[in-house]
Amino acid sequence: MRVVVADDSVLLREGVVRLLEEAGIEVVGQAGDAEELLRKVRAHKPDVAVVDVRMPPSNTDDGLRAAQQIRGELPEVGVLLLSQYIEEGYALELLEDGAEGVGYLLKDRVAEVERFIDAVRRVGDRGSALDPEVVSQLVGRRRDENPLLELTPREREVLELMAEGRSNQAIATELVVTERAVEKHVTSIFSKLDLASSPDDHRRVLAVLTYLRA
């Protein structure tokens, strides 16, 4: 797997590069601002671009804008956004065109090495990887006639893990239940939310997040 890493903090960028390389992932380019990121991605066409949301030149949402541009120009390149704070609007904006090959993590997750590396690999394999705290906020938002209120507490747990990009097997392991039990919960969730299920995990995530954006 080939990756480009973009962050204006040299210390953090070098740390991410080292973690990736130690996991056997090839880092083909580094960038300190959004314009350099676009140049490196266009030149190397990596499997994944790991991108800080806030980057020069404006230090606002330049990383997000660059990520959206990458998805538009090179849809085969996965994008994993890193953010210092939970900014669910950025996550939803990045997901506008679908959840395939998309990730959004808090920077603190980088210290959770296995989870971070798993997220990079998942995004590179055209899956999705969303931070649990972001998912929790999205799932927990209340609105008028919120159908999520019809879900049982266990179904809400399954939904949150599903929206992170977890497979039924991974959810079963996390909740210490059988995979069959998870399948029943998933079927019930889609029924209550009036969403068509799919055996393809990232399409399930897309369906859930599309619904949450409505």
N, C-alpha and C. Protein backbone atom coordinates (compact mmCIF):
# COMPACT_ATOMS: atom_id res chain seq x y z
N MET A 1 0.84 -1.20 0.00
CA MET A 1 0.00 0.00 0.00
C MET A 1 0.88 1.25 0.00
N ARG A 2 0.50 2.25 -0.79
CA ARG A 2 1.29 3.47 -0.94
C ARG A 2 0.51 4.66 -0.39
N VAL A 3 1.17 5.50 0.39
CA VAL A 3 0.49 6.58 1.11
C VAL A 3 1.23 7.90 0.96
N VAL A 4 0.48 9.01 0.86
CA VAL A 4 1.01 10.36 0.98
C VAL A 4 0.50 10.94 2.30
N VAL A 5 1.38 11.55 3.06
CA VAL A 5 1.02 12.12 4.37
C VAL A 5 1.12 13.64 4.30
N ALA A 6 0.07 14.34 4.73
CA ALA A 6 0.05 15.80 4.69
C ALA A 6 -0.33 16.39 6.04
N ASP A 7 0.59 17.15 6.62
CA ASP A 7 0.34 17.84 7.88
C ASP A 7 1.39 18.93 8.01
N ASP A 8 0.98 20.14 8.43
CA ASP A 8 1.95 21.23 8.52
C ASP A 8 2.85 21.09 9.74
N SER A 9 2.48 20.22 10.69
CA SER A 9 3.34 19.95 11.84
C SER A 9 4.36 18.89 11.44
N VAL A 10 5.62 19.30 11.34
CA VAL A 10 6.66 18.37 10.93
C VAL A 10 6.77 17.21 11.92
N LEU A 11 6.64 17.51 13.21
CA LEU A 11 6.77 16.49 14.24
C LEU A 11 5.69 15.42 14.08
N LEU A 12 4.43 15.86 13.93
CA LEU A 12 3.34 14.90 13.78
C LEU A 12 3.47 14.14 12.46
N ARG A 13 3.82 14.87 11.41
CA ARG A 13 3.95 14.23 10.09
C ARG A 13 5.00 13.13 10.12
N GLU A 14 6.15 13.43 10.69
CA GLU A 14 7.23 12.44 10.76
C GLU A 14 6.81 11.26 11.63
N GLY A 15 6.04 11.54 12.69
CA GLY A 15 5.56 10.46 13.55
C GLY A 15 4.62 9.53 12.80
N VAL A 16 3.72 10.10 12.02
CA VAL A 16 2.78 9.30 11.24
C VAL A 16 3.54 8.47 10.20
N VAL A 17 4.50 9.10 9.54
CA VAL A 17 5.30 8.39 8.53
C VAL A 17 6.01 7.20 9.16
N ARG A 18 6.58 7.40 10.33
CA ARG A 18 7.30 6.32 10.99
C ARG A 18 6.37 5.16 11.35
N LEU A 19 5.18 5.48 11.87
CA LEU A 19 4.22 4.43 12.21
C LEU A 19 3.81 3.63 10.98
N LEU A 20 3.56 4.33 9.88
CA LEU A 20 3.16 3.66 8.65
C LEU A 20 4.27 2.75 8.13
N GLU A 21 5.48 3.27 8.12
CA GLU A 21 6.61 2.48 7.60
C GLU A 21 6.88 1.26 8.47
N GLU A 22 6.73 1.42 9.79
CA GLU A 22 6.94 0.28 10.68
C GLU A 22 5.88 -0.79 10.47
N ALA A 23 4.71 -0.38 9.95
CA ALA A 23 3.63 -1.33 9.67
C ALA A 23 3.74 -1.92 8.27
N GLY A 24 4.83 -1.57 7.56
CA GLY A 24 5.04 -2.12 6.24
C GLY A 24 4.32 -1.38 5.13
N ILE A 25 3.88 -0.14 5.41
CA ILE A 25 3.19 0.68 4.42
C ILE A 25 4.18 1.68 3.83
N GLU A 26 4.22 1.77 2.53
CA GLU A 26 5.17 2.65 1.85
C GLU A 26 4.66 4.09 1.80
N VAL A 27 5.44 5.02 2.31
CA VAL A 27 5.11 6.45 2.24
C VAL A 27 5.84 7.02 1.02
N VAL A 28 5.07 7.42 0.01
CA VAL A 28 5.68 7.87 -1.25
C VAL A 28 5.80 9.38 -1.34
N GLY A 29 5.22 10.11 -0.36
CA GLY A 29 5.32 11.56 -0.40
C GLY A 29 4.84 12.19 0.90
N GLN A 30 5.38 13.39 1.20
CA GLN A 30 4.96 14.17 2.35
C GLN A 30 4.66 15.59 1.90
N ALA A 31 3.71 16.24 2.60
CA ALA A 31 3.34 17.60 2.24
C ALA A 31 3.07 18.42 3.49
N GLY A 32 3.41 19.71 3.42
CA GLY A 32 3.20 20.60 4.56
C GLY A 32 2.08 21.59 4.35
N ASP A 33 1.49 21.62 3.14
CA ASP A 33 0.36 22.50 2.88
C ASP A 33 -0.53 21.86 1.81
N ALA A 34 -1.69 22.44 1.60
CA ALA A 34 -2.69 21.84 0.70
C ALA A 34 -2.21 21.78 -0.75
N GLU A 35 -1.52 22.82 -1.20
CA GLU A 35 -1.06 22.84 -2.59
C GLU A 35 -0.01 21.76 -2.83
N GLU A 36 0.90 21.60 -1.88
CA GLU A 36 1.92 20.56 -2.02
C GLU A 36 1.28 19.18 -1.97
N LEU A 37 0.25 19.03 -1.14
CA LEU A 37 -0.48 17.77 -1.07
C LEU A 37 -1.05 17.39 -2.43
N LEU A 38 -1.71 18.33 -3.08
CA LEU A 38 -2.30 18.06 -4.39
C LEU A 38 -1.22 17.68 -5.40
N ARG A 39 -0.09 18.37 -5.36
CA ARG A 39 1.00 18.04 -6.29
C ARG A 39 1.51 16.62 -6.06
N LYS A 40 1.70 16.26 -4.79
CA LYS A 40 2.24 14.94 -4.47
C LYS A 40 1.25 13.83 -4.84
N VAL A 41 -0.02 14.06 -4.59
CA VAL A 41 -1.02 13.04 -4.91
C VAL A 41 -1.16 12.87 -6.42
N ARG A 42 -1.15 13.97 -7.15
CA ARG A 42 -1.24 13.88 -8.61
C ARG A 42 -0.02 13.17 -9.19
N ALA A 43 1.13 13.39 -8.58
CA ALA A 43 2.36 12.80 -9.10
C ALA A 43 2.47 11.31 -8.76
N HIS A 44 2.12 10.94 -7.54
CA HIS A 44 2.34 9.57 -7.08
C HIS A 44 1.11 8.67 -7.17
N LYS A 45 -0.10 9.28 -7.21
CA LYS A 45 -1.34 8.51 -7.24
C LYS A 45 -1.32 7.38 -6.20
N PRO A 46 -1.25 7.74 -4.93
CA PRO A 46 -1.15 6.73 -3.87
C PRO A 46 -2.49 6.01 -3.65
N ASP A 47 -2.45 4.99 -2.82
CA ASP A 47 -3.70 4.31 -2.43
C ASP A 47 -4.48 5.15 -1.43
N VAL A 48 -3.75 5.87 -0.57
CA VAL A 48 -4.38 6.68 0.47
C VAL A 48 -3.62 7.98 0.67
N ALA A 49 -4.36 9.06 0.91
CA ALA A 49 -3.77 10.32 1.35
C ALA A 49 -4.24 10.56 2.78
N VAL A 50 -3.30 10.66 3.71
CA VAL A 50 -3.61 10.97 5.11
C VAL A 50 -3.46 12.48 5.26
N VAL A 51 -4.56 13.17 5.59
CA VAL A 51 -4.60 14.63 5.45
C VAL A 51 -5.10 15.31 6.73
N ASP A 52 -4.36 16.30 7.20
CA ASP A 52 -4.82 17.14 8.30
C ASP A 52 -5.90 18.09 7.76
N VAL A 53 -7.01 18.22 8.49
CA VAL A 53 -8.10 19.09 8.04
C VAL A 53 -7.63 20.53 7.91
N ARG A 54 -6.94 21.03 8.92
CA ARG A 54 -6.52 22.44 8.95
C ARG A 54 -5.05 22.54 8.53
N MET A 55 -4.84 23.14 7.36
CA MET A 55 -3.49 23.25 6.82
C MET A 55 -3.30 24.62 6.18
N PRO A 56 -2.04 25.03 5.97
CA PRO A 56 -1.79 26.26 5.21
C PRO A 56 -2.30 26.08 3.78
N PRO A 57 -2.62 27.18 3.08
CA PRO A 57 -2.22 28.54 3.45
C PRO A 57 -3.13 29.26 4.44
N SER A 58 -4.41 28.89 4.55
CA SER A 58 -5.30 29.67 5.42
C SER A 58 -5.42 29.08 6.82
N ASN A 59 -4.98 27.82 6.99
CA ASN A 59 -5.09 27.14 8.29
C ASN A 59 -6.53 27.04 8.78
N THR A 60 -7.46 26.93 7.86
CA THR A 60 -8.87 26.71 8.23
C THR A 60 -9.27 25.30 7.78
N ASP A 61 -9.85 25.21 6.59
CA ASP A 61 -10.28 23.89 6.12
C ASP A 61 -9.57 23.51 4.82
N ASP A 62 -8.36 23.99 4.63
CA ASP A 62 -7.64 23.74 3.38
C ASP A 62 -7.42 22.25 3.12
N GLY A 63 -7.16 21.48 4.18
CA GLY A 63 -6.97 20.05 4.01
C GLY A 63 -8.24 19.37 3.53
N LEU A 64 -9.37 19.79 4.08
CA LEU A 64 -10.66 19.23 3.65
C LEU A 64 -10.91 19.55 2.19
N ARG A 65 -10.68 20.80 1.80
CA ARG A 65 -10.92 21.20 0.40
C ARG A 65 -10.00 20.40 -0.55
N ALA A 66 -8.77 20.20 -0.13
CA ALA A 66 -7.85 19.43 -0.96
C ALA A 66 -8.32 17.98 -1.06
N ALA A 67 -8.82 17.45 0.06
CA ALA A 67 -9.32 16.07 0.06
C ALA A 67 -10.51 15.92 -0.89
N GLN A 68 -11.40 16.90 -0.87
CA GLN A 68 -12.54 16.86 -1.79
C GLN A 68 -12.08 16.93 -3.24
N GLN A 69 -11.06 17.75 -3.49
CA GLN A 69 -10.53 17.87 -4.85
C GLN A 69 -9.89 16.56 -5.30
N ILE A 70 -9.20 15.90 -4.38
CA ILE A 70 -8.60 14.61 -4.69
C ILE A 70 -9.67 13.60 -5.06
N ARG A 71 -10.74 13.58 -4.26
CA ARG A 71 -11.83 12.63 -4.54
C ARG A 71 -12.49 12.91 -5.87
N GLY A 72 -12.53 14.18 -6.26
CA GLY A 72 -13.12 14.53 -7.54
C GLY A 72 -12.23 14.17 -8.72
N GLU A 73 -10.93 14.44 -8.59
CA GLU A 73 -9.99 14.20 -9.68
C GLU A 73 -9.51 12.75 -9.74
N LEU A 74 -9.25 12.16 -8.57
CA LEU A 74 -8.68 10.82 -8.50
C LEU A 74 -9.51 9.96 -7.52
N PRO A 75 -10.69 9.55 -7.93
CA PRO A 75 -11.57 8.80 -7.03
C PRO A 75 -11.00 7.49 -6.54
N GLU A 76 -9.95 6.99 -7.22
CA GLU A 76 -9.34 5.73 -6.79
C GLU A 76 -8.43 5.93 -5.58
N VAL A 77 -8.13 7.18 -5.23
CA VAL A 77 -7.28 7.48 -4.07
C VAL A 77 -8.16 7.63 -2.83
N GLY A 78 -7.90 6.81 -1.82
CA GLY A 78 -8.64 6.94 -0.57
C GLY A 78 -8.15 8.14 0.22
N VAL A 79 -9.01 8.71 1.05
CA VAL A 79 -8.66 9.90 1.84
C VAL A 79 -8.99 9.66 3.31
N LEU A 80 -8.00 9.81 4.17
CA LEU A 80 -8.20 9.71 5.61
C LEU A 80 -7.89 11.06 6.23
N LEU A 81 -8.92 11.75 6.70
CA LEU A 81 -8.76 13.06 7.32
C LEU A 81 -8.43 12.92 8.81
N LEU A 82 -7.53 13.76 9.29
CA LEU A 82 -7.21 13.83 10.71
C LEU A 82 -7.61 15.21 11.23
N SER A 83 -8.25 15.24 12.39
CA SER A 83 -8.72 16.51 12.94
C SER A 83 -8.40 16.58 14.42
N GLN A 84 -8.05 17.77 14.89
CA GLN A 84 -7.74 17.97 16.30
C GLN A 84 -8.99 17.88 17.16
N TYR A 85 -10.13 18.33 16.61
CA TYR A 85 -11.38 18.36 17.35
C TYR A 85 -12.47 17.67 16.55
N ILE A 86 -13.56 17.31 17.21
CA ILE A 86 -14.71 16.73 16.52
C ILE A 86 -15.40 17.83 15.73
N GLU A 87 -15.39 17.69 14.42
CA GLU A 87 -16.06 18.65 13.54
C GLU A 87 -16.92 17.83 12.57
N GLU A 88 -18.10 17.44 13.07
CA GLU A 88 -18.92 16.50 12.31
C GLU A 88 -19.34 17.07 10.96
N GLY A 89 -19.41 18.39 10.84
CA GLY A 89 -19.76 18.99 9.56
C GLY A 89 -18.73 18.66 8.50
N TYR A 90 -17.46 18.63 8.89
CA TYR A 90 -16.40 18.28 7.94
C TYR A 90 -16.55 16.82 7.50
N ALA A 91 -16.86 15.95 8.47
CA ALA A 91 -17.02 14.53 8.13
C ALA A 91 -18.16 14.35 7.14
N LEU A 92 -19.28 15.01 7.39
CA LEU A 92 -20.42 14.87 6.50
C LEU A 92 -20.13 15.46 5.13
N GLU A 93 -19.40 16.57 5.12
CA GLU A 93 -19.08 17.21 3.84
C GLU A 93 -18.20 16.29 2.99
N LEU A 94 -17.25 15.62 3.64
CA LEU A 94 -16.38 14.72 2.90
C LEU A 94 -17.16 13.52 2.36
N LEU A 95 -18.23 13.15 3.07
CA LEU A 95 -19.01 11.97 2.69
C LEU A 95 -20.09 12.27 1.66
N GLU A 96 -20.16 13.51 1.19
CA GLU A 96 -21.21 13.89 0.26
C GLU A 96 -21.28 12.97 -0.95
N ASP A 97 -20.13 12.53 -1.45
CA ASP A 97 -20.09 11.72 -2.66
C ASP A 97 -19.96 10.23 -2.37
N GLY A 98 -20.20 9.84 -1.13
CA GLY A 98 -20.13 8.43 -0.79
C GLY A 98 -19.06 8.13 0.25
N ALA A 99 -19.17 6.95 0.85
CA ALA A 99 -18.27 6.57 1.94
C ALA A 99 -17.14 5.66 1.50
N GLU A 100 -17.10 5.30 0.24
CA GLU A 100 -16.05 4.42 -0.24
C GLU A 100 -14.69 5.13 -0.21
N GLY A 101 -13.73 4.51 0.46
CA GLY A 101 -12.39 5.08 0.50
C GLY A 101 -12.31 6.37 1.28
N VAL A 102 -13.07 6.49 2.36
CA VAL A 102 -13.10 7.71 3.16
C VAL A 102 -12.91 7.39 4.64
N GLY A 103 -12.11 8.21 5.31
CA GLY A 103 -11.95 8.06 6.75
C GLY A 103 -11.87 9.41 7.42
N TYR A 104 -12.26 9.47 8.69
CA TYR A 104 -12.20 10.71 9.46
C TYR A 104 -11.89 10.31 10.90
N LEU A 105 -10.71 10.69 11.38
CA LEU A 105 -10.29 10.33 12.73
C LEU A 105 -9.81 11.56 13.49
N LEU A 106 -9.97 11.51 14.80
CA LEU A 106 -9.34 12.51 15.65
C LEU A 106 -7.85 12.20 15.70
N LYS A 107 -7.03 13.24 15.80
CA LYS A 107 -5.58 13.04 15.82
C LYS A 107 -5.13 12.18 16.99
N ASP A 108 -5.88 12.20 18.08
CA ASP A 108 -5.51 11.39 19.23
C ASP A 108 -5.47 9.91 18.87
N ARG A 109 -6.23 9.51 17.84
CA ARG A 109 -6.28 8.09 17.46
C ARG A 109 -4.95 7.61 16.89
N VAL A 110 -4.12 8.54 16.43
CA VAL A 110 -2.83 8.14 15.87
C VAL A 110 -2.00 7.41 16.93
N ALA A 111 -2.19 7.81 18.18
CA ALA A 111 -1.46 7.16 19.27
C ALA A 111 -1.96 5.73 19.50
N GLU A 112 -3.17 5.45 19.07
CA GLU A 112 -3.71 4.08 19.14
C GLU A 112 -3.28 3.40 17.84
N VAL A 113 -2.06 2.94 17.82
CA VAL A 113 -1.39 2.55 16.57
C VAL A 113 -2.17 1.53 15.78
N GLU A 114 -2.63 0.47 16.42
CA GLU A 114 -3.34 -0.57 15.68
C GLU A 114 -4.61 -0.03 15.04
N ARG A 115 -5.33 0.79 15.78
CA ARG A 115 -6.57 1.35 15.22
C ARG A 115 -6.26 2.29 14.06
N PHE A 116 -5.21 3.09 14.20
CA PHE A 116 -4.85 4.01 13.13
C PHE A 116 -4.42 3.26 11.87
N ILE A 117 -3.56 2.28 12.03
CA ILE A 117 -3.09 1.50 10.87
C ILE A 117 -4.26 0.77 10.23
N ASP A 118 -5.14 0.24 11.05
CA ASP A 118 -6.33 -0.45 10.52
C ASP A 118 -7.18 0.52 9.70
N ALA A 119 -7.32 1.76 10.18
CA ALA A 119 -8.11 2.76 9.45
C ALA A 119 -7.47 3.06 8.09
N VAL A 120 -6.15 3.20 8.07
CA VAL A 120 -5.45 3.47 6.80
C VAL A 120 -5.68 2.32 5.82
N ARG A 121 -5.52 1.10 6.29
CA ARG A 121 -5.70 -0.06 5.41
C ARG A 121 -7.15 -0.17 4.93
N ARG A 122 -8.09 0.10 5.83
CA ARG A 122 -9.50 0.00 5.47
C ARG A 122 -9.86 1.00 4.38
N VAL A 123 -9.36 2.23 4.54
CA VAL A 123 -9.62 3.26 3.53
C VAL A 123 -8.96 2.88 2.21
N GLY A 124 -7.74 2.35 2.28
CA GLY A 124 -7.04 1.94 1.07
C GLY A 124 -7.74 0.81 0.34
N ASP A 125 -8.51 0.00 1.08
CA ASP A 125 -9.26 -1.11 0.49
C ASP A 125 -10.66 -0.68 0.07
N ARG A 126 -10.90 0.63 0.00
CA ARG A 126 -12.18 1.21 -0.44
C ARG A 126 -13.28 1.08 0.59
N GLY A 127 -12.89 0.86 1.83
CA GLY A 127 -13.87 0.85 2.91
C GLY A 127 -13.95 2.23 3.54
N SER A 128 -14.45 2.29 4.77
CA SER A 128 -14.56 3.56 5.47
C SER A 128 -14.06 3.40 6.90
N ALA A 129 -13.66 4.49 7.51
CA ALA A 129 -13.17 4.46 8.88
C ALA A 129 -13.53 5.79 9.54
N LEU A 130 -14.54 5.76 10.38
CA LEU A 130 -15.00 6.99 11.04
C LEU A 130 -14.75 6.91 12.53
N ASP A 131 -14.29 8.01 13.10
CA ASP A 131 -13.97 8.04 14.52
C ASP A 131 -15.20 7.75 15.36
N PRO A 132 -15.08 6.89 16.36
CA PRO A 132 -16.23 6.55 17.20
C PRO A 132 -16.91 7.77 17.83
N GLU A 133 -16.13 8.78 18.22
CA GLU A 133 -16.73 9.95 18.84
C GLU A 133 -17.56 10.75 17.83
N VAL A 134 -17.09 10.81 16.59
CA VAL A 134 -17.84 11.50 15.55
C VAL A 134 -19.13 10.75 15.27
N VAL A 135 -19.01 9.43 15.13
CA VAL A 135 -20.19 8.60 14.87
C VAL A 135 -21.20 8.76 15.99
N SER A 136 -20.71 8.76 17.23
CA SER A 136 -21.60 8.89 18.37
C SER A 136 -22.39 10.18 18.32
N GLN A 137 -21.74 11.27 17.93
CA GLN A 137 -22.44 12.55 17.82
C GLN A 137 -23.47 12.53 16.71
N LEU A 138 -23.09 11.91 15.57
CA LEU A 138 -24.02 11.86 14.44
C LEU A 138 -25.24 11.02 14.80
N VAL A 139 -25.00 9.85 15.40
CA VAL A 139 -26.10 8.97 15.74
C VAL A 139 -26.95 9.56 16.86
N GLY A 140 -26.31 10.31 17.76
CA GLY A 140 -27.02 10.84 18.90
C GLY A 140 -27.79 12.13 18.67
N ARG A 141 -27.63 12.74 17.48
CA ARG A 141 -28.33 14.00 17.22
C ARG A 141 -29.84 13.78 17.25
N ARG A 142 -30.54 14.68 17.92
CA ARG A 142 -31.99 14.59 17.98
C ARG A 142 -32.59 15.57 16.98
N ARG A 143 -33.71 15.18 16.43
CA ARG A 143 -34.46 16.07 15.56
C ARG A 143 -35.92 15.66 15.62
N ASP A 144 -36.80 16.48 15.07
CA ASP A 144 -38.23 16.18 15.13
C ASP A 144 -38.51 14.84 14.46
N GLU A 145 -39.35 14.06 15.13
CA GLU A 145 -39.76 12.76 14.61
C GLU A 145 -38.53 11.90 14.28
N ASN A 146 -37.62 11.86 15.21
CA ASN A 146 -36.37 11.14 15.01
C ASN A 146 -36.62 9.63 15.07
N PRO A 147 -36.51 8.91 13.94
CA PRO A 147 -36.77 7.47 13.95
C PRO A 147 -35.71 6.69 14.72
N LEU A 148 -34.55 7.33 14.98
CA LEU A 148 -33.51 6.65 15.76
C LEU A 148 -34.01 6.35 17.18
N LEU A 149 -35.00 7.10 17.62
CA LEU A 149 -35.54 6.87 18.96
C LEU A 149 -36.27 5.53 19.04
N GLU A 150 -36.59 4.95 17.90
CA GLU A 150 -37.26 3.65 17.88
C GLU A 150 -36.29 2.51 18.13
N LEU A 151 -34.99 2.78 18.00
CA LEU A 151 -34.01 1.73 18.18
C LEU A 151 -33.81 1.39 19.65
N THR A 152 -33.54 0.12 19.91
CA THR A 152 -33.22 -0.30 21.27
C THR A 152 -31.78 0.13 21.58
N PRO A 153 -31.42 0.18 22.86
CA PRO A 153 -30.04 0.55 23.20
C PRO A 153 -29.01 -0.34 22.50
N ARG A 154 -29.27 -1.65 22.41
CA ARG A 154 -28.33 -2.54 21.74
C ARG A 154 -28.25 -2.23 20.25
N GLU A 155 -29.38 -1.92 19.63
CA GLU A 155 -29.39 -1.57 18.21
C GLU A 155 -28.61 -0.29 17.96
N ARG A 156 -28.69 0.65 18.89
CA ARG A 156 -27.92 1.89 18.76
C ARG A 156 -26.42 1.61 18.84
N GLU A 157 -26.05 0.69 19.73
CA GLU A 157 -24.63 0.30 19.82
C GLU A 157 -24.16 -0.32 18.50
N VAL A 158 -24.98 -1.20 17.96
CA VAL A 158 -24.63 -1.86 16.69
C VAL A 158 -24.53 -0.83 15.57
N LEU A 159 -25.47 0.12 15.55
CA LEU A 159 -25.49 1.15 14.51
C LEU A 159 -24.23 2.00 14.58
N GLU A 160 -23.82 2.38 15.78
CA GLU A 160 -22.62 3.19 15.92
C GLU A 160 -21.39 2.45 15.41
N LEU A 161 -21.28 1.17 15.76
CA LEU A 161 -20.14 0.39 15.30
C LEU A 161 -20.20 0.15 13.79
N MET A 162 -21.40 -0.03 13.28
CA MET A 162 -21.58 -0.22 11.85
C MET A 162 -21.16 1.03 11.09
N ALA A 163 -21.51 2.19 11.64
CA ALA A 163 -21.16 3.45 10.98
C ALA A 163 -19.66 3.72 11.03
N GLU A 164 -18.95 3.10 11.97
CA GLU A 164 -17.49 3.23 12.00
C GLU A 164 -16.85 2.44 10.87
N GLY A 165 -17.61 1.54 10.27
CA GLY A 165 -17.07 0.72 9.20
C GLY A 165 -16.79 -0.71 9.64
N ARG A 166 -17.30 -1.10 10.81
CA ARG A 166 -17.04 -2.44 11.32
C ARG A 166 -17.89 -3.48 10.59
N SER A 167 -17.34 -4.66 10.41
CA SER A 167 -18.08 -5.78 9.84
C SER A 167 -18.94 -6.41 10.94
N ASN A 168 -19.88 -7.28 10.54
CA ASN A 168 -20.70 -7.97 11.54
C ASN A 168 -19.84 -8.78 12.50
N GLN A 169 -18.81 -9.43 11.97
CA GLN A 169 -17.92 -10.21 12.82
C GLN A 169 -17.19 -9.33 13.83
N ALA A 170 -16.72 -8.16 13.38
CA ALA A 170 -16.02 -7.25 14.28
C ALA A 170 -16.96 -6.70 15.35
N ILE A 171 -18.20 -6.43 14.96
CA ILE A 171 -19.19 -5.93 15.92
C ILE A 171 -19.47 -7.00 16.97
N ALA A 172 -19.61 -8.25 16.52
CA ALA A 172 -19.87 -9.35 17.44
C ALA A 172 -18.74 -9.49 18.46
N THR A 173 -17.52 -9.35 17.99
CA THR A 173 -16.36 -9.44 18.89
C THR A 173 -16.36 -8.29 19.90
N GLU A 174 -16.66 -7.08 19.42
CA GLU A 174 -16.67 -5.90 20.29
C GLU A 174 -17.75 -6.01 21.37
N LEU A 175 -18.93 -6.52 21.01
CA LEU A 175 -20.06 -6.57 21.94
C LEU A 175 -20.17 -7.91 22.67
N VAL A 176 -19.26 -8.83 22.34
CA VAL A 176 -19.24 -10.17 22.94
C VAL A 176 -20.59 -10.87 22.76
N VAL A 177 -21.03 -10.92 21.52
CA VAL A 177 -22.26 -11.64 21.16
C VAL A 177 -21.95 -12.47 19.91
N THR A 178 -22.91 -13.27 19.48
CA THR A 178 -22.70 -14.06 18.27
C THR A 178 -22.91 -13.21 17.03
N GLU A 179 -22.29 -13.64 15.93
CA GLU A 179 -22.47 -12.92 14.68
C GLU A 179 -23.93 -12.99 14.22
N ARG A 180 -24.58 -14.10 14.52
CA ARG A 180 -25.99 -14.25 14.18
C ARG A 180 -26.84 -13.20 14.90
N ALA A 181 -26.51 -12.93 16.15
CA ALA A 181 -27.24 -11.91 16.91
C ALA A 181 -27.06 -10.54 16.28
N VAL A 182 -25.85 -10.25 15.83
CA VAL A 182 -25.57 -8.97 15.17
C VAL A 182 -26.38 -8.86 13.88
N GLU A 183 -26.43 -9.95 13.11
CA GLU A 183 -27.20 -9.93 11.86
C GLU A 183 -28.66 -9.60 12.11
N LYS A 184 -29.22 -10.13 13.19
CA LYS A 184 -30.61 -9.84 13.54
C LYS A 184 -30.79 -8.37 13.89
N HIS A 185 -29.82 -7.83 14.64
CA HIS A 185 -29.89 -6.41 15.00
C HIS A 185 -29.80 -5.53 13.75
N VAL A 186 -28.91 -5.88 12.84
CA VAL A 186 -28.72 -5.09 11.62
C VAL A 186 -30.01 -5.10 10.79
N THR A 187 -30.60 -6.27 10.67
CA THR A 187 -31.87 -6.38 9.92
C THR A 187 -32.94 -5.50 10.54
N SER A 188 -33.01 -5.51 11.86
CA SER A 188 -34.00 -4.71 12.57
C SER A 188 -33.74 -3.22 12.39
N ILE A 189 -32.46 -2.83 12.44
CA ILE A 189 -32.09 -1.41 12.27
C ILE A 189 -32.54 -0.90 10.91
N PHE A 190 -32.20 -1.64 9.87
CA PHE A 190 -32.58 -1.19 8.53
C PHE A 190 -34.09 -1.17 8.35
N SER A 191 -34.77 -2.09 9.00
CA SER A 191 -36.22 -2.10 8.91
C SER A 191 -36.82 -0.87 9.58
N LYS A 192 -36.34 -0.54 10.78
CA LYS A 192 -36.86 0.60 11.52
C LYS A 192 -36.51 1.93 10.85
N LEU A 193 -35.35 1.98 10.19
CA LEU A 193 -34.92 3.22 9.54
C LEU A 193 -35.34 3.27 8.08
N ASP A 194 -36.03 2.21 7.63
CA ASP A 194 -36.49 2.15 6.24
C ASP A 194 -35.33 2.30 5.27
N LEU A 195 -34.26 1.56 5.53
CA LEU A 195 -33.07 1.59 4.67
C LEU A 195 -32.84 0.20 4.11
N ALA A 196 -32.49 0.14 2.83
CA ALA A 196 -32.21 -1.14 2.20
C ALA A 196 -30.84 -1.64 2.65
N SER A 197 -30.80 -2.87 3.14
CA SER A 197 -29.52 -3.43 3.58
C SER A 197 -28.72 -3.91 2.39
N SER A 198 -27.43 -4.16 2.62
CA SER A 198 -26.54 -4.63 1.57
C SER A 198 -25.46 -5.47 2.23
N PRO A 199 -25.01 -6.56 1.55
CA PRO A 199 -23.94 -7.36 2.14
C PRO A 199 -22.61 -6.65 2.14
N ASP A 200 -22.52 -5.53 1.43
CA ASP A 200 -21.27 -4.79 1.30
C ASP A 200 -21.17 -3.79 2.44
N ASP A 201 -20.15 -3.94 3.31
CA ASP A 201 -20.10 -3.19 4.56
C ASP A 201 -20.09 -1.69 4.37
N HIS A 202 -19.23 -1.15 3.45
CA HIS A 202 -19.15 0.30 3.35
C HIS A 202 -20.42 0.87 2.73
N ARG A 203 -21.18 0.07 1.99
CA ARG A 203 -22.46 0.56 1.47
C ARG A 203 -23.48 0.66 2.59
N ARG A 204 -23.37 -0.19 3.57
CA ARG A 204 -24.24 -0.06 4.73
C ARG A 204 -23.93 1.24 5.47
N VAL A 205 -22.65 1.52 5.61
CA VAL A 205 -22.24 2.76 6.27
C VAL A 205 -22.78 3.96 5.50
N LEU A 206 -22.65 3.93 4.19
CA LEU A 206 -23.12 5.03 3.37
C LEU A 206 -24.62 5.22 3.54
N ALA A 207 -25.36 4.14 3.58
CA ALA A 207 -26.81 4.24 3.75
C ALA A 207 -27.17 4.88 5.09
N VAL A 208 -26.49 4.46 6.14
CA VAL A 208 -26.76 5.03 7.46
C VAL A 208 -26.41 6.51 7.50
N LEU A 209 -25.23 6.86 7.00
CA LEU A 209 -24.80 8.26 7.06
C LEU A 209 -25.63 9.15 6.13
N THR A 210 -26.04 8.62 5.02
CA THR A 210 -26.93 9.37 4.12
C THR A 210 -28.22 9.70 4.84
N TYR A 211 -28.71 8.71 5.57
CA TYR A 211 -29.94 8.94 6.33
C TYR A 211 -29.73 10.00 7.41
N LEU A 212 -28.59 9.92 8.10
CA LEU A 212 -28.32 10.87 9.17
C LEU A 212 -28.18 12.30 8.66
N ARG A 213 -27.73 12.45 7.40
CA ARG A 213 -27.57 13.78 6.83
C ARG A 213 -28.93 14.39 6.46
N ALA A 214 -29.93 13.56 6.28
CA ALA A 214 -31.22 14.04 5.77
C ALA A 214 -31.89 14.97 6.77
